[in-house]
Amino acid sequence: MKADWKKRIEINPDILGGKPVIKGTRVPVEVIVGGLAGGMTVEDVCMEYRIKPEDVRAALAYAAETLSEEHLIAVSR
């Protein structure tokens, strides 16, 4: 089941220049995903940034949806 990230992620031009963050915090989605990619556990991320596991799942769902909508164009050299 896909997490409903829209309940937990906000994009507001007045907060961090419009970067997606966990609602009610200034924790950017990119920091959460980067932490996980760097080897942090979900528990580590939650403790470090004072967020909930549901926030981490929302960040991952947002990243996955964003990537699924991205269109890449191959350029030959």
Protein backbone atom coordinates (compact mmCIF):
# COMPACT_ATOMS: atom_id res chain seq x y z
CA MET A 1 0.00 0.00 0.00
CA LYS A 2 1.35 3.39 -0.99
CA ALA A 3 1.84 5.86 1.84
CA ASP A 4 -0.29 8.97 1.56
CA TRP A 5 2.63 11.40 1.60
CA LYS A 6 0.43 14.45 1.03
CA LYS A 7 -0.73 14.25 4.66
CA ARG A 8 2.85 14.50 5.93
CA ILE A 9 4.85 16.43 3.32
CA GLU A 10 4.44 20.10 2.54
CA ILE A 11 5.90 22.30 -0.15
CA ASN A 12 5.77 25.95 0.82
CA PRO A 13 7.88 28.67 -0.84
CA ASP A 14 8.29 30.31 2.59
CA ILE A 15 9.90 27.19 4.10
CA LEU A 16 13.40 26.30 2.87
CA GLY A 17 12.73 27.91 -0.48
CA GLY A 18 9.93 25.51 -1.34
CA LYS A 19 11.80 22.25 -0.77
CA PRO A 20 9.51 19.41 0.34
CA VAL A 21 9.67 19.03 4.13
CA ILE A 22 7.89 17.07 6.83
CA LYS A 23 4.90 19.16 7.91
CA GLY A 24 5.48 21.11 11.08
CA THR A 25 9.25 20.75 10.79
CA ARG A 26 12.05 22.09 8.67
CA VAL A 27 13.31 18.58 7.89
CA PRO A 28 13.67 18.23 4.11
CA VAL A 29 12.72 15.02 2.34
CA GLU A 30 16.18 14.97 0.73
CA VAL A 31 17.84 14.81 4.17
CA ILE A 32 15.70 11.83 5.18
CA VAL A 33 16.31 9.94 1.95
CA GLY A 34 19.99 10.85 2.04
CA GLY A 35 20.32 9.60 5.60
CA LEU A 36 18.81 6.26 4.68
CA ALA A 37 20.99 6.01 1.57
CA GLY A 38 24.00 6.75 3.75
CA GLY A 39 23.30 3.81 6.03
CA MET A 40 21.11 5.27 8.76
CA THR A 41 18.21 3.11 9.92
CA VAL A 42 14.66 4.42 10.09
CA GLU A 43 15.08 4.52 13.86
CA ASP A 44 18.30 6.54 13.51
CA VAL A 45 16.61 9.06 11.22
CA CYS A 46 13.63 9.39 13.54
CA MET A 47 15.86 10.00 16.57
CA GLU A 48 18.22 12.38 14.74
CA TYR A 49 15.47 14.58 13.27
CA ARG A 50 12.69 14.00 15.83
CA ILE A 51 10.23 12.64 13.31
CA LYS A 52 8.06 9.51 13.19
CA PRO A 53 8.49 6.36 11.09
CA GLU A 54 5.36 7.43 9.18
CA ASP A 55 7.22 10.60 8.18
CA VAL A 56 10.11 8.52 6.82
CA ARG A 57 7.70 6.36 4.80
CA ALA A 58 6.01 9.51 3.49
CA ALA A 59 9.40 10.90 2.41
CA LEU A 60 10.21 7.68 0.57
CA ALA A 61 6.77 7.61 -1.05
CA TYR A 62 7.21 11.23 -2.17
CA ALA A 63 10.65 10.44 -3.63
CA ALA A 64 9.33 7.35 -5.43
CA GLU A 65 6.36 9.21 -6.90
CA THR A 66 8.56 12.11 -7.99
CA LEU A 67 10.99 9.76 -9.71
CA SER A 68 8.18 7.85 -11.41
CA GLU A 69 6.97 11.12 -12.98
CA GLU A 70 10.43 12.20 -14.11
CA HIS A 71 11.09 12.07 -17.84
CA LEU A 72 14.63 11.49 -18.93
CA ILE A 73 15.95 12.18 -22.39
CA ALA A 74 18.97 10.20 -23.54
CA VAL A 75 21.62 12.30 -25.22
CA SER A 76 24.16 10.68 -27.54
CA ARG A 77 27.72 11.85 -27.56
